[in-house]
Structures are given as structure tokens and as C-alpha cells.
Amino acid sequence: MAEFNPAPIKPTVPFDLFQQIDVRMGSIMAVDDIPSSSKLLKLTVDFGDHRRTIVAGLKKERPDRQALIGIQALFVVNLEPRKMAGELSEGMLFDVGYPDGIRPVFAVPEAPVPNGARAG
């Protein structure tokens, strides 16, 4: 593995602010192309009691999109919905590496857990 220098730690935040972020386990049920975007894909994610659309910048780094189906990963589910390339995204995939310029990997459980289970 290439040498890696971690970024400086961000300023501290109060614990109650951290508790406001809702991170949950979800299973990717479908992956659809967004033709108007060179990097975004539309994920349909099962959170146990509901499904929602999450738009994620995975197109360039994940050539086998069908391999994503069935993967459990962490998602931030209480962000304000926003339009991305004409699609409404109802959350954010919680991955590791993108801000550091390395190929992102998913934050996945070491064993299956129910969809909708909270991180924290």
C-alpha cells in the first residue's frame, strides 16, 4: 500500500451535535445510471421500514455496478434532500477515502445486521 499521510483532525464538535447525525445500515437493492452525469449513480436502498433514493458519485470507480446490489453499507439518512443531476437524493453514502483522494471503500458491517440499524 502506498504511503498515506492522514489529514489534520477537524475541530471538535459538541457531542449533542454529533448525535443529530442519523447514520443507518441499508442494503443496496438497485443501481441505475444517470445518463446526464459522468460520475453519479442512483441507488435504491432498503432501510428496513422503507426504501429511498441515494445519489452517489460511484460511476468512475465502480465499473461493475451490478456487484453493488445486495451490499450493506452505512448511509446518512437525515440530510436535507437535494437534487443532483436531476435526481432527488434522500441521503448520503457513508464511504471512506474520497476526501483523501484515494479509491473510496464502503463502511460495511463485519456481520449482517438488520437494515435500518443505527450507527453510533
PDB file of N, CA and C in Angstrom:
ATOM      1  N   MET A   1       0.845  -1.168   0.000  1.00  0.00           N
ATOM      2  CA  MET A   1       0.000   0.000   0.000  1.00  0.00           C
ATOM      3  C   MET A   1       0.898   1.240   0.000  1.00  0.00           C
ATOM      4  N   ALA A   2       0.514   2.256  -0.774  1.00  0.00           N
ATOM      5  CA  ALA A   2       1.290   3.494  -0.863  1.00  0.00           C
ATOM      6  C   ALA A   2       1.275   4.237   0.468  1.00  0.00           C
ATOM      7  N   GLU A   3       2.310   5.043   0.666  1.00  0.00           N
ATOM      8  CA  GLU A   3       2.379   5.830   1.886  1.00  0.00           C
ATOM      9  C   GLU A   3       1.204   6.797   1.934  1.00  0.00           C
ATOM     10  N   PHE A   4       0.636   6.973   3.114  1.00  0.00           N
ATOM     11  CA  PHE A   4      -0.538   7.828   3.299  1.00  0.00           C
ATOM     12  C   PHE A   4      -0.302   8.726   4.498  1.00  0.00           C
ATOM     13  N   ASN A   5      -0.541  10.011   4.308  1.00  0.00           N
ATOM     14  CA  ASN A   5      -0.449  10.966   5.406  1.00  0.00           C
ATOM     15  C   ASN A   5      -1.850  11.465   5.730  1.00  0.00           C
ATOM     16  N   PRO A   6      -2.395  11.071   6.882  1.00  0.00           N
ATOM     17  CA  PRO A   6      -3.758  11.497   7.227  1.00  0.00           C
ATOM     18  C   PRO A   6      -3.877  13.014   7.313  1.00  0.00           C
ATOM     19  N   ALA A   7      -5.058  13.514   6.926  1.00  0.00           N
ATOM     20  CA  ALA A   7      -5.362  14.941   7.037  1.00  0.00           C
ATOM     21  C   ALA A   7      -5.440  15.322   8.514  1.00  0.00           C
ATOM     22  N   PRO A   8      -5.239  16.594   8.819  1.00  0.00           N
ATOM     23  CA  PRO A   8      -5.404  17.033  10.211  1.00  0.00           C
ATOM     24  C   PRO A   8      -6.827  16.762  10.702  1.00  0.00           C
ATOM     25  N   ILE A   9      -6.950  16.512  11.982  1.00  0.00           N
ATOM     26  CA  ILE A   9      -8.263  16.283  12.581  1.00  0.00           C
ATOM     27  C   ILE A   9      -9.044  17.591  12.583  1.00  0.00           C
ATOM     28  N   LYS A  10     -10.320  17.499  12.226  1.00  0.00           N
ATOM     29  CA  LYS A  10     -11.192  18.673  12.201  1.00  0.00           C
ATOM     30  C   LYS A  10     -11.418  19.177  13.624  1.00  0.00           C
ATOM     31  N   PRO A  11     -11.881  20.444  13.756  1.00  0.00           N
ATOM     32  CA  PRO A  11     -12.159  20.979  15.099  1.00  0.00           C
ATOM     33  C   PRO A  11     -13.205  20.132  15.829  1.00  0.00           C
ATOM     34  N   THR A  12     -13.121  20.118  17.145  1.00  0.00           N
ATOM     35  CA  THR A  12     -14.070  19.347  17.947  1.00  0.00           C
ATOM     36  C   THR A  12     -15.471  19.938  17.830  1.00  0.00           C
ATOM     37  N   VAL A  13     -16.460  19.063  17.991  1.00  0.00           N
ATOM     38  CA  VAL A  13     -17.864  19.471  17.989  1.00  0.00           C
ATOM     39  C   VAL A  13     -18.505  18.924  19.262  1.00  0.00           C
ATOM     40  N   PRO A  14     -19.531  19.599  19.759  1.00  0.00           N
ATOM     41  CA  PRO A  14     -20.222  19.072  20.942  1.00  0.00           C
ATOM     42  C   PRO A  14     -20.866  17.716  20.637  1.00  0.00           C
ATOM     43  N   PHE A  15     -20.899  16.843  21.629  1.00  0.00           N
ATOM     44  CA  PHE A  15     -21.462  15.508  21.440  1.00  0.00           C
ATOM     45  C   PHE A  15     -22.910  15.570  20.988  1.00  0.00           C
ATOM     46  N   ASP A  16     -23.681  16.523  21.509  1.00  0.00           N
ATOM     47  CA  ASP A  16     -25.088  16.607  21.116  1.00  0.00           C
ATOM     48  C   ASP A  16     -25.233  16.953  19.630  1.00  0.00           C
ATOM     49  N   LEU A  17     -24.276  17.683  19.070  1.00  0.00           N
ATOM     50  CA  LEU A  17     -24.295  17.965  17.635  1.00  0.00           C
ATOM     51  C   LEU A  17     -24.041  16.681  16.848  1.00  0.00           C
ATOM     52  N   PHE A  18     -23.078  15.897  17.286  1.00  0.00           N
ATOM     53  CA  PHE A  18     -22.795  14.612  16.653  1.00  0.00           C
ATOM     54  C   PHE A  18     -24.028  13.705  16.685  1.00  0.00           C
ATOM     55  N   GLN A  19     -24.748  13.693  17.797  1.00  0.00           N
ATOM     56  CA  GLN A  19     -25.922  12.832  17.941  1.00  0.00           C
ATOM     57  C   GLN A  19     -27.047  13.207  16.975  1.00  0.00           C
ATOM     58  N   GLN A  20     -26.996  14.385  16.387  1.00  0.00           N
ATOM     59  CA  GLN A  20     -28.028  14.798  15.443  1.00  0.00           C
ATOM     60  C   GLN A  20     -27.877  14.113  14.087  1.00  0.00           C
ATOM     61  N   ILE A  21     -26.714  13.576  13.798  1.00  0.00           N
ATOM     62  CA  ILE A  21     -26.480  12.897  12.526  1.00  0.00           C
ATOM     63  C   ILE A  21     -26.999  11.468  12.633  1.00  0.00           C
ATOM     64  N   ASP A  22     -27.902  11.102  11.723  1.00  0.00           N
ATOM     65  CA  ASP A  22     -28.526   9.778  11.742  1.00  0.00           C
ATOM     66  C   ASP A  22     -27.880   8.904  10.667  1.00  0.00           C
ATOM     67  N   VAL A  23     -27.026   7.979  11.114  1.00  0.00           N
ATOM     68  CA  VAL A  23     -26.324   7.059  10.213  1.00  0.00           C
ATOM     69  C   VAL A  23     -26.935   5.683  10.411  1.00  0.00           C
ATOM     70  N   ARG A  24     -27.398   5.093   9.294  1.00  0.00           N
ATOM     71  CA  ARG A  24     -28.073   3.796   9.384  1.00  0.00           C
ATOM     72  C   ARG A  24     -27.554   2.818   8.351  1.00  0.00           C
ATOM     73  N   MET A  25     -27.740   1.543   8.672  1.00  0.00           N
ATOM     74  CA  MET A  25     -27.380   0.471   7.759  1.00  0.00           C
ATOM     75  C   MET A  25     -28.479   0.318   6.724  1.00  0.00           C
ATOM     76  N   GLY A  26     -28.069   0.160   5.477  1.00  0.00           N
ATOM     77  CA  GLY A  26     -29.025  -0.095   4.407  1.00  0.00           C
ATOM     78  C   GLY A  26     -28.424  -1.044   3.393  1.00  0.00           C
ATOM     79  N   SER A  27     -29.298  -1.744   2.679  1.00  0.00           N
ATOM     80  CA  SER A  27     -28.865  -2.656   1.609  1.00  0.00           C
ATOM     81  C   SER A  27     -29.189  -2.036   0.259  1.00  0.00           C
ATOM     82  N   ILE A  28     -28.216  -2.039  -0.622  1.00  0.00           N
ATOM     83  CA  ILE A  28     -28.413  -1.521  -1.975  1.00  0.00           C
ATOM     84  C   ILE A  28     -29.242  -2.539  -2.749  1.00  0.00           C
ATOM     85  N   MET A  29     -30.417  -2.114  -3.207  1.00  0.00           N
ATOM     86  CA  MET A  29     -31.341  -3.007  -3.910  1.00  0.00           C
ATOM     87  C   MET A  29     -31.275  -2.843  -5.429  1.00  0.00           C
ATOM     88  N   ALA A  30     -30.944  -1.643  -5.894  1.00  0.00           N
ATOM     89  CA  ALA A  30     -30.859  -1.385  -7.333  1.00  0.00           C
ATOM     90  C   ALA A  30     -29.849  -0.280  -7.573  1.00  0.00           C
ATOM     91  N   VAL A  31     -29.206  -0.337  -8.730  1.00  0.00           N
ATOM     92  CA  VAL A  31     -28.246   0.682  -9.151  1.00  0.00           C
ATOM     93  C   VAL A  31     -28.640   1.104 -10.559  1.00  0.00           C
ATOM     94  N   ASP A  32     -28.925   2.395 -10.738  1.00  0.00           N
ATOM     95  CA  ASP A  32     -29.333   2.904 -12.041  1.00  0.00           C
ATOM     96  C   ASP A  32     -28.388   4.005 -12.494  1.00  0.00           C
ATOM     97  N   ASP A  33     -28.150   4.022 -13.793  1.00  0.00           N
ATOM     98  CA  ASP A  33     -27.316   5.056 -14.385  1.00  0.00           C
ATOM     99  C   ASP A  33     -28.059   6.385 -14.389  1.00  0.00           C
ATOM    100  N   ILE A  34     -27.304   7.463 -14.283  1.00  0.00           N
ATOM    101  CA  ILE A  34     -27.823   8.812 -14.501  1.00  0.00           C
ATOM    102  C   ILE A  34     -27.095   9.304 -15.744  1.00  0.00           C
ATOM    103  N   PRO A  35     -27.734   9.179 -16.930  1.00  0.00           N
ATOM    104  CA  PRO A  35     -27.047   9.479 -18.184  1.00  0.00           C
ATOM    105  C   PRO A  35     -26.479  10.888 -18.278  1.00  0.00           C
ATOM    106  N   SER A  36     -27.095  11.847 -17.575  1.00  0.00           N
ATOM    107  CA  SER A  36     -26.631  13.236 -17.659  1.00  0.00           C
ATOM    108  C   SER A  36     -25.391  13.502 -16.815  1.00  0.00           C
ATOM    109  N   SER A  37     -24.913  12.497 -16.068  1.00  0.00           N
ATOM    110  CA  SER A  37     -23.763  12.687 -15.184  1.00  0.00           C
ATOM    111  C   SER A  37     -22.647  11.714 -15.538  1.00  0.00           C
ATOM    112  N   SER A  38     -21.414  12.204 -15.475  1.00  0.00           N
ATOM    113  CA  SER A  38     -20.261  11.331 -15.740  1.00  0.00           C
ATOM    114  C   SER A  38     -19.799  10.591 -14.490  1.00  0.00           C
ATOM    115  N   LYS A  39     -20.343  10.956 -13.309  1.00  0.00           N
ATOM    116  CA  LYS A  39     -19.874  10.281 -12.094  1.00  0.00           C
ATOM    117  C   LYS A  39     -20.969   9.784 -11.146  1.00  0.00           C
ATOM    118  N   LEU A  40     -22.214  10.217 -11.336  1.00  0.00           N
ATOM    119  CA  LEU A  40     -23.260   9.859 -10.382  1.00  0.00           C
ATOM    120  C   LEU A  40     -24.070   8.636 -10.796  1.00  0.00           C
ATOM    121  N   LEU A  41     -24.434   7.824  -9.789  1.00  0.00           N
ATOM    122  CA  LEU A  41     -25.349   6.699  -9.948  1.00  0.00           C
ATOM    123  C   LEU A  41     -26.497   6.865  -8.962  1.00  0.00           C
ATOM    124  N   LYS A  42     -27.649   6.324  -9.320  1.00  0.00           N
ATOM    125  CA  LYS A  42     -28.813   6.367  -8.440  1.00  0.00           C
ATOM    126  C   LYS A  42     -28.955   5.007  -7.764  1.00  0.00           C
ATOM    127  N   LEU A  43     -28.870   5.001  -6.442  1.00  0.00           N
ATOM    128  CA  LEU A  43     -29.013   3.778  -5.664  1.00  0.00           C
ATOM    129  C   LEU A  43     -30.403   3.739  -5.041  1.00  0.00           C
ATOM    130  N   THR A  44     -31.055   2.586  -5.085  1.00  0.00           N
ATOM    131  CA  THR A  44     -32.274   2.361  -4.308  1.00  0.00           C
ATOM    132  C   THR A  44     -31.841   1.537  -3.110  1.00  0.00           C
ATOM    133  N   VAL A  45     -32.073   2.092  -1.916  1.00  0.00           N
ATOM    134  CA  VAL A  45     -31.547   1.485  -0.688  1.00  0.00           C
ATOM    135  C   VAL A  45     -32.694   1.102   0.241  1.00  0.00           C
ATOM    136  N   ASP A  46     -32.640  -0.125   0.756  1.00  0.00           N
ATOM    137  CA  ASP A  46     -33.638  -0.645   1.698  1.00  0.00           C
ATOM    138  C   ASP A  46     -33.168  -0.359   3.121  1.00  0.00           C
ATOM    139  N   PHE A  47     -33.992   0.382   3.869  1.00  0.00           N
ATOM    140  CA  PHE A  47     -33.683   0.690   5.266  1.00  0.00           C
ATOM    141  C   PHE A  47     -34.611  -0.047   6.232  1.00  0.00           C
ATOM    142  N   GLY A  48     -35.147  -1.173   5.816  1.00  0.00           N
ATOM    143  CA  GLY A  48     -35.983  -1.988   6.692  1.00  0.00           C
ATOM    144  C   GLY A  48     -37.440  -1.598   6.637  1.00  0.00           C
ATOM    145  N   ASP A  49     -37.755  -0.382   7.044  1.00  0.00           N
ATOM    146  CA  ASP A  49     -39.152   0.071   7.048  1.00  0.00           C
ATOM    147  C   ASP A  49     -39.499   0.903   5.821  1.00  0.00           C
ATOM    148  N   HIS A  50     -38.511   1.224   4.997  1.00  0.00           N
ATOM    149  CA  HIS A  50     -38.751   1.997   3.784  1.00  0.00           C
ATOM    150  C   HIS A  50     -37.537   1.900   2.856  1.00  0.00           C
ATOM    151  N   ARG A  51     -37.761   2.315   1.629  1.00  0.00           N
ATOM    152  CA  ARG A  51     -36.665   2.431   0.657  1.00  0.00           C
ATOM    153  C   ARG A  51     -36.558   3.888   0.251  1.00  0.00           C
ATOM    154  N   ARG A  52     -35.350   4.281  -0.112  1.00  0.00           N
ATOM    155  CA  ARG A  52     -35.163   5.642  -0.603  1.00  0.00           C
ATOM    156  C   ARG A  52     -34.052   5.676  -1.630  1.00  0.00           C
ATOM    157  N   THR A  53     -34.026   6.789  -2.355  1.00  0.00           N
ATOM    158  CA  THR A  53     -33.022   7.005  -3.391  1.00  0.00           C
ATOM    159  C   THR A  53     -31.842   7.760  -2.809  1.00  0.00           C
ATOM    160  N   ILE A  54     -30.657   7.255  -3.049  1.00  0.00           N
ATOM    161  CA  ILE A  54     -29.416   7.914  -2.656  1.00  0.00           C
ATOM    162  C   ILE A  54     -28.583   8.070  -3.936  1.00  0.00           C
ATOM    163  N   VAL A  55     -28.208   9.294  -4.262  1.00  0.00           N
ATOM    164  CA  VAL A  55     -27.356   9.542  -5.415  1.00  0.00           C
ATOM    165  C   VAL A  55     -25.912   9.598  -4.908  1.00  0.00           C
ATOM    166  N   ALA A  56     -25.046   8.823  -5.562  1.00  0.00           N
ATOM    167  CA  ALA A  56     -23.653   8.727  -5.101  1.00  0.00           C
ATOM    168  C   ALA A  56     -22.697   8.769  -6.286  1.00  0.00           C
ATOM    169  N   GLY A  57     -21.548   9.372  -6.083  1.00  0.00           N
ATOM    170  CA  GLY A  57     -20.527   9.504  -7.123  1.00  0.00           C
ATOM    171  C   GLY A  57     -19.688   8.260  -7.262  1.00  0.00           C
ATOM    172  N   LEU A  58     -20.269   7.200  -7.787  1.00  0.00           N
ATOM    173  CA  LEU A  58     -19.590   5.904  -7.877  1.00  0.00           C
ATOM    174  C   LEU A  58     -19.282   5.452  -9.292  1.00  0.00           C
ATOM    175  N   LYS A  59     -19.771   6.167 -10.285  1.00  0.00           N
ATOM    176  CA  LYS A  59     -19.723   5.676 -11.672  1.00  0.00           C
ATOM    177  C   LYS A  59     -18.310   5.379 -12.145  1.00  0.00           C
ATOM    178  N   LYS A  60     -17.360   6.266 -11.879  1.00  0.00           N
ATOM    179  CA  LYS A  60     -15.995   6.082 -12.384  1.00  0.00           C
ATOM    180  C   LYS A  60     -15.226   5.003 -11.636  1.00  0.00           C
ATOM    181  N   GLU A  61     -15.500   4.852 -10.355  1.00  0.00           N
ATOM    182  CA  GLU A  61     -14.709   3.913  -9.551  1.00  0.00           C
ATOM    183  C   GLU A  61     -15.332   2.527  -9.439  1.00  0.00           C
ATOM    184  N   ARG A  62     -16.566   2.359  -9.893  1.00  0.00           N
ATOM    185  CA  ARG A  62     -17.255   1.063  -9.786  1.00  0.00           C
ATOM    186  C   ARG A  62     -17.785   0.638 -11.153  1.00  0.00           C
ATOM    187  N   PRO A  63     -16.917   0.098 -12.016  1.00  0.00           N
ATOM    188  CA  PRO A  63     -17.365  -0.271 -13.358  1.00  0.00           C
ATOM    189  C   PRO A  63     -18.415  -1.390 -13.357  1.00  0.00           C
ATOM    190  N   ASP A  64     -18.367  -2.311 -12.385  1.00  0.00           N
ATOM    191  CA  ASP A  64     -19.359  -3.386 -12.292  1.00  0.00           C
ATOM    192  C   ASP A  64     -20.440  -2.970 -11.306  1.00  0.00           C
ATOM    193  N   ARG A  65     -21.376  -2.187 -11.788  1.00  0.00           N
ATOM    194  CA  ARG A  65     -22.426  -1.634 -10.917  1.00  0.00           C
ATOM    195  C   ARG A  65     -23.304  -2.711 -10.312  1.00  0.00           C
ATOM    196  N   GLN A  66     -23.522  -3.790 -11.045  1.00  0.00           N
ATOM    197  CA  GLN A  66     -24.388  -4.847 -10.524  1.00  0.00           C
ATOM    198  C   GLN A  66     -23.773  -5.535  -9.305  1.00  0.00           C
ATOM    199  N   ALA A  67     -22.452  -5.453  -9.146  1.00  0.00           N
ATOM    200  CA  ALA A  67     -21.786  -6.036  -7.980  1.00  0.00           C
ATOM    201  C   ALA A  67     -22.156  -5.296  -6.696  1.00  0.00           C
ATOM    202  N   LEU A  68     -22.702  -4.096  -6.825  1.00  0.00           N
ATOM    203  CA  LEU A  68     -23.100  -3.317  -5.649  1.00  0.00           C
ATOM    204  C   LEU A  68     -24.423  -3.805  -5.052  1.00  0.00           C
ATOM    205  N   ILE A  69     -25.233  -4.482  -5.849  1.00  0.00           N
ATOM    206  CA  ILE A  69     -26.547  -4.920  -5.385  1.00  0.00           C
ATOM    207  C   ILE A  69     -26.394  -5.953  -4.277  1.00  0.00           C
ATOM    208  N   GLY A  70     -27.097  -5.708  -3.184  1.00  0.00           N
ATOM    209  CA  GLY A  70     -27.059  -6.602  -2.027  1.00  0.00           C
ATOM    210  C   GLY A  70     -26.054  -6.205  -0.964  1.00  0.00           C
ATOM    211  N   ILE A  71     -25.176  -5.270  -1.270  1.00  0.00           N
ATOM    212  CA  ILE A  71     -24.186  -4.833  -0.281  1.00  0.00           C
ATOM    213  C   ILE A  71     -24.864  -4.004   0.807  1.00  0.00           C
ATOM    214  N   GLN A  72     -24.540  -4.312   2.044  1.00  0.00           N
ATOM    215  CA  GLN A  72     -24.965  -3.480   3.175  1.00  0.00           C
ATOM    216  C   GLN A  72     -23.883  -2.447   3.420  1.00  0.00           C
ATOM    217  N   ALA A  73     -24.298  -1.208   3.650  1.00  0.00           N
ATOM    218  CA  ALA A  73     -23.350  -0.132   3.928  1.00  0.00           C
ATOM    219  C   ALA A  73     -24.026   0.896   4.819  1.00  0.00           C
ATOM    220  N   LEU A  74     -23.224   1.830   5.309  1.00  0.00           N
ATOM    221  CA  LEU A  74     -23.751   2.913   6.142  1.00  0.00           C
ATOM    222  C   LEU A  74     -24.146   4.104   5.270  1.00  0.00           C
ATOM    223  N   PHE A  75     -25.246   4.742   5.644  1.00  0.00           N
ATOM    224  CA  PHE A  75     -25.772   5.905   4.941  1.00  0.00           C
ATOM    225  C   PHE A  75     -26.204   6.947   5.954  1.00  0.00           C
ATOM    226  N   VAL A  76     -25.975   8.226   5.644  1.00  0.00           N
ATOM    227  CA  VAL A  76     -26.530   9.324   6.437  1.00  0.00           C
ATOM    228  C   VAL A  76     -27.933   9.540   5.894  1.00  0.00           C
ATOM    229  N   VAL A  77     -28.949   9.428   6.770  1.00  0.00           N
ATOM    230  CA  VAL A  77     -30.335   9.457   6.291  1.00  0.00           C
ATOM    231  C   VAL A  77     -31.109  10.715   6.668  1.00  0.00           C
ATOM    232  N   ASN A  78     -30.501  11.623   7.417  1.00  0.00           N
ATOM    233  CA  ASN A  78     -31.269  12.807   7.801  1.00  0.00           C
ATOM    234  C   ASN A  78     -30.705  14.108   7.235  1.00  0.00           C
ATOM    235  N   LEU A  79     -30.027  14.006   6.087  1.00  0.00           N
ATOM    236  CA  LEU A  79     -29.631  15.221   5.373  1.00  0.00           C
ATOM    237  C   LEU A  79     -30.838  15.743   4.617  1.00  0.00           C
ATOM    238  N   GLU A  80     -30.890  17.053   4.395  1.00  0.00           N
ATOM    239  CA  GLU A  80     -31.962  17.604   3.583  1.00  0.00           C
ATOM    240  C   GLU A  80     -31.858  17.008   2.183  1.00  0.00           C
ATOM    241  N   PRO A  81     -32.974  16.533   1.606  1.00  0.00           N
ATOM    242  CA  PRO A  81     -32.925  16.030   0.236  1.00  0.00           C
ATOM    243  C   PRO A  81     -32.442  17.124  -0.713  1.00  0.00           C
ATOM    244  N   ARG A  82     -31.690  16.708  -1.744  1.00  0.00           N
ATOM    245  CA  ARG A  82     -31.238  17.696  -2.726  1.00  0.00           C
ATOM    246  C   ARG A  82     -31.157  17.062  -4.107  1.00  0.00           C
ATOM    247  N   LYS A  83     -31.393  17.901  -5.100  1.00  0.00           N
ATOM    248  CA  LYS A  83     -31.329  17.458  -6.493  1.00  0.00           C
ATOM    249  C   LYS A  83     -29.879  17.391  -6.935  1.00  0.00           C
ATOM    250  N   MET A  84     -29.557  16.280  -7.575  1.00  0.00           N
ATOM    251  CA  MET A  84     -28.223  16.085  -8.134  1.00  0.00           C
ATOM    252  C   MET A  84     -28.419  15.493  -9.527  1.00  0.00           C
ATOM    253  N   ALA A  85     -27.967  16.197 -10.544  1.00  0.00           N
ATOM    254  CA  ALA A  85     -28.115  15.759 -11.937  1.00  0.00           C
ATOM    255  C   ALA A  85     -29.562  15.406 -12.250  1.00  0.00           C
ATOM    256  N   GLY A  86     -30.486  16.185 -11.698  1.00  0.00           N
ATOM    257  CA  GLY A  86     -31.902  15.982 -11.970  1.00  0.00           C
ATOM    258  C   GLY A  86     -32.584  14.930 -11.121  1.00  0.00           C
ATOM    259  N   GLU A  87     -31.846  14.252 -10.253  1.00  0.00           N
ATOM    260  CA  GLU A  87     -32.410  13.212  -9.381  1.00  0.00           C
ATOM    261  C   GLU A  87     -32.414  13.714  -7.942  1.00  0.00           C
ATOM    262  N   LEU A  88     -33.476  13.392  -7.194  1.00  0.00           N
ATOM    263  CA  LEU A  88     -33.553  13.781  -5.795  1.00  0.00           C
ATOM    264  C   LEU A  88     -32.836  12.744  -4.937  1.00  0.00           C
ATOM    265  N   SER A  89     -31.800  13.181  -4.225  1.00  0.00           N
ATOM    266  CA  SER A  89     -31.065  12.304  -3.322  1.00  0.00           C
ATOM    267  C   SER A  89     -31.580  12.516  -1.912  1.00  0.00           C
ATOM    268  N   GLU A  90     -31.929  11.404  -1.241  1.00  0.00           N
ATOM    269  CA  GLU A  90     -32.523  11.453   0.093  1.00  0.00           C
ATOM    270  C   GLU A  90     -31.555  10.968   1.162  1.00  0.00           C
ATOM    271  N   GLY A  91     -30.283  11.288   1.006  1.00  0.00           N
ATOM    272  CA  GLY A  91     -29.280  10.877   1.976  1.00  0.00           C
ATOM    273  C   GLY A  91     -27.916  10.836   1.325  1.00  0.00           C
ATOM    274  N   MET A  92     -26.970  10.204   2.027  1.00  0.00           N
ATOM    275  CA  MET A  92     -25.600  10.153   1.537  1.00  0.00           C
ATOM    276  C   MET A  92     -24.961   8.818   1.914  1.00  0.00           C
ATOM    277  N   LEU A  93     -24.287   8.223   0.950  1.00  0.00           N
ATOM    278  CA  LEU A  93     -23.491   7.031   1.221  1.00  0.00           C
ATOM    279  C   LEU A  93     -22.322   7.434   2.110  1.00  0.00           C
ATOM    280  N   PHE A  94     -22.097   6.688   3.170  1.00  0.00           N
ATOM    281  CA  PHE A  94     -21.009   6.958   4.104  1.00  0.00           C
ATOM    282  C   PHE A  94     -19.843   6.073   3.680  1.00  0.00           C
ATOM    283  N   ASP A  95     -18.897   6.652   2.922  1.00  0.00           N
ATOM    284  CA  ASP A  95     -17.748   5.853   2.499  1.00  0.00           C
ATOM    285  C   ASP A  95     -16.462   6.431   3.073  1.00  0.00           C
ATOM    286  N   VAL A  96     -15.373   5.735   2.851  1.00  0.00           N
ATOM    287  CA  VAL A  96     -14.085   6.098   3.430  1.00  0.00           C
ATOM    288  C   VAL A  96     -13.081   6.285   2.308  1.00  0.00           C
ATOM    289  N   GLY A  97     -12.384   7.419   2.286  1.00  0.00           N
ATOM    290  CA  GLY A  97     -11.291   7.622   1.359  1.00  0.00           C
ATOM    291  C   GLY A  97     -11.465   8.745   0.364  1.00  0.00           C
ATOM    292  N   TYR A  98     -12.707   9.035  -0.045  1.00  0.00           N
ATOM    293  CA  TYR A  98     -12.923  10.042  -1.090  1.00  0.00           C
ATOM    294  C   TYR A  98     -12.287  11.394  -0.769  1.00  0.00           C
ATOM    295  N   PRO A  99     -12.500  11.959   0.446  1.00  0.00           N
ATOM    296  CA  PRO A  99     -11.901  13.270   0.737  1.00  0.00           C
ATOM    297  C   PRO A  99     -10.372  13.261   0.698  1.00  0.00           C
ATOM    298  N   ASP A 100      -9.780  12.079   0.825  1.00  0.00           N
ATOM    299  CA  ASP A 100      -8.319  11.957   0.826  1.00  0.00           C
ATOM    300  C   ASP A 100      -7.751  11.627  -0.547  1.00  0.00           C
ATOM    301  N   GLY A 101      -8.618  11.560  -1.546  1.00  0.00           N
ATOM    302  CA  GLY A 101      -8.140  11.294  -2.896  1.00  0.00           C
ATOM    303  C   GLY A 101      -7.746   9.852  -3.163  1.00  0.00           C
ATOM    304  N   ILE A 102      -8.226   8.941  -2.329  1.00  0.00           N
ATOM    305  CA  ILE A 102      -7.967   7.516  -2.565  1.00  0.00           C
ATOM    306  C   ILE A 102      -9.271   6.844  -2.977  1.00  0.00           C
ATOM    307  N   ARG A 103      -9.177   5.695  -3.613  1.00  0.00           N
ATOM    308  CA  ARG A 103     -10.387   4.993  -4.043  1.00  0.00           C
ATOM    309  C   ARG A 103     -11.253   4.692  -2.825  1.00  0.00           C
ATOM    310  N   PRO A 104     -12.465   5.251  -2.814  1.00  0.00           N
ATOM    311  CA  PRO A 104     -13.330   5.049  -1.650  1.00  0.00           C
ATOM    312  C   PRO A 104     -13.759   3.596  -1.481  1.00  0.00           C
ATOM    313  N   VAL A 105     -13.937   3.212  -0.235  1.00  0.00           N
ATOM    314  CA  VAL A 105     -14.499   1.908   0.120  1.00  0.00           C
ATOM    315  C   VAL A 105     -15.706   2.160   1.011  1.00  0.00           C
ATOM    316  N   PHE A 106     -16.625   1.236   1.009  1.00  0.00           N
ATOM    317  CA  PHE A 106     -17.823   1.356   1.833  1.00  0.00           C
ATOM    318  C   PHE A 106     -17.509   1.014   3.287  1.00  0.00           C
ATOM    319  N   ALA A 107     -18.227   1.639   4.201  1.00  0.00           N
ATOM    320  CA  ALA A 107     -18.195   1.250   5.606  1.00  0.00           C
ATOM    321  C   ALA A 107     -19.244   0.152   5.750  1.00  0.00           C
ATOM    322  N   VAL A 108     -18.787  -1.087   5.910  1.00  0.00           N
ATOM    323  CA  VAL A 108     -19.685  -2.240   5.919  1.00  0.00           C
ATOM    324  C   VAL A 108     -19.591  -2.973   7.262  1.00  0.00           C
ATOM    325  N   PRO A 109     -20.665  -3.690   7.629  1.00  0.00           N
ATOM    326  CA  PRO A 109     -20.634  -4.416   8.903  1.00  0.00           C
ATOM    327  C   PRO A 109     -19.764  -5.670   8.810  1.00  0.00           C
ATOM    328  N   GLU A 110     -19.209  -6.093   9.931  1.00  0.00           N
ATOM    329  CA  GLU A 110     -18.413  -7.321   9.946  1.00  0.00           C
ATOM    330  C   GLU A 110     -19.304  -8.556   9.887  1.00  0.00           C
ATOM    331  N   ALA A 111     -20.586  -8.379  10.189  1.00  0.00           N
ATOM    332  CA  ALA A 111     -21.596  -9.439  10.063  1.00  0.00           C
ATOM    333  C   ALA A 111     -22.906  -8.744   9.683  1.00  0.00           C
ATOM    334  N   PRO A 112     -23.814  -9.449   8.998  1.00  0.00           N
ATOM    335  CA  PRO A 112     -25.081  -8.812   8.620  1.00  0.00           C
ATOM    336  C   PRO A 112     -25.847  -8.306   9.838  1.00  0.00           C
ATOM    337  N   VAL A 113     -26.461  -7.145   9.683  1.00  0.00           N
ATOM    338  CA  VAL A 113     -27.329  -6.562  10.715  1.00  0.00           C
ATOM    339  C   VAL A 113     -28.624  -6.138  10.029  1.00  0.00           C
ATOM    340  N   PRO A 114     -29.707  -5.947  10.787  1.00  0.00           N
ATOM    341  CA  PRO A 114     -30.952  -5.542  10.149  1.00  0.00           C
ATOM    342  C   PRO A 114     -30.824  -4.180   9.456  1.00  0.00           C
ATOM    343  N   ASN A 115     -31.422  -4.058   8.267  1.00  0.00           N
ATOM    344  CA  ASN A 115     -31.465  -2.760   7.608  1.00  0.00           C
ATOM    345  C   ASN A 115     -32.208  -1.783   8.498  1.00  0.00           C
ATOM    346  N   GLY A 116     -31.679  -0.577   8.580  1.00  0.00           N
ATOM    347  CA  GLY A 116     -32.258   0.442   9.446  1.00  0.00           C
ATOM    348  C   GLY A 116     -31.572   0.551  10.797  1.00  0.00           C
ATOM    349  N   ALA A 117     -30.681  -0.418  11.122  1.00  0.00           N
ATOM    350  CA  ALA A 117     -29.956  -0.355  12.395  1.00  0.00           C
ATOM    351  C   ALA A 117     -29.090   0.906  12.391  1.00  0.00           C
ATOM    352  N   ARG A 118     -29.038   1.590  13.532  1.00  0.00           N
ATOM    353  CA  ARG A 118     -28.331   2.867  13.651  1.00  0.00           C
ATOM    354  C   ARG A 118     -26.878   2.667  14.045  1.00  0.00           C
ATOM    355  N   ALA A 119     -26.025   3.551  13.527  1.00  0.00           N
ATOM    356  CA  ALA A 119     -24.631   3.587  13.930  1.00  0.00           C
ATOM    357  C   ALA A 119     -24.490   4.615  15.046  1.00  0.00           C
ATOM    358  N   GLY A 120     -23.504   4.426  15.882  1.00  0.00           N
ATOM    359  CA  GLY A 120     -23.283   5.412  16.924  1.00  0.00           C
ATOM    360  C   GLY A 120     -22.718   4.814  18.168  1.00  0.00           C
TER     361      GLY A 120
END
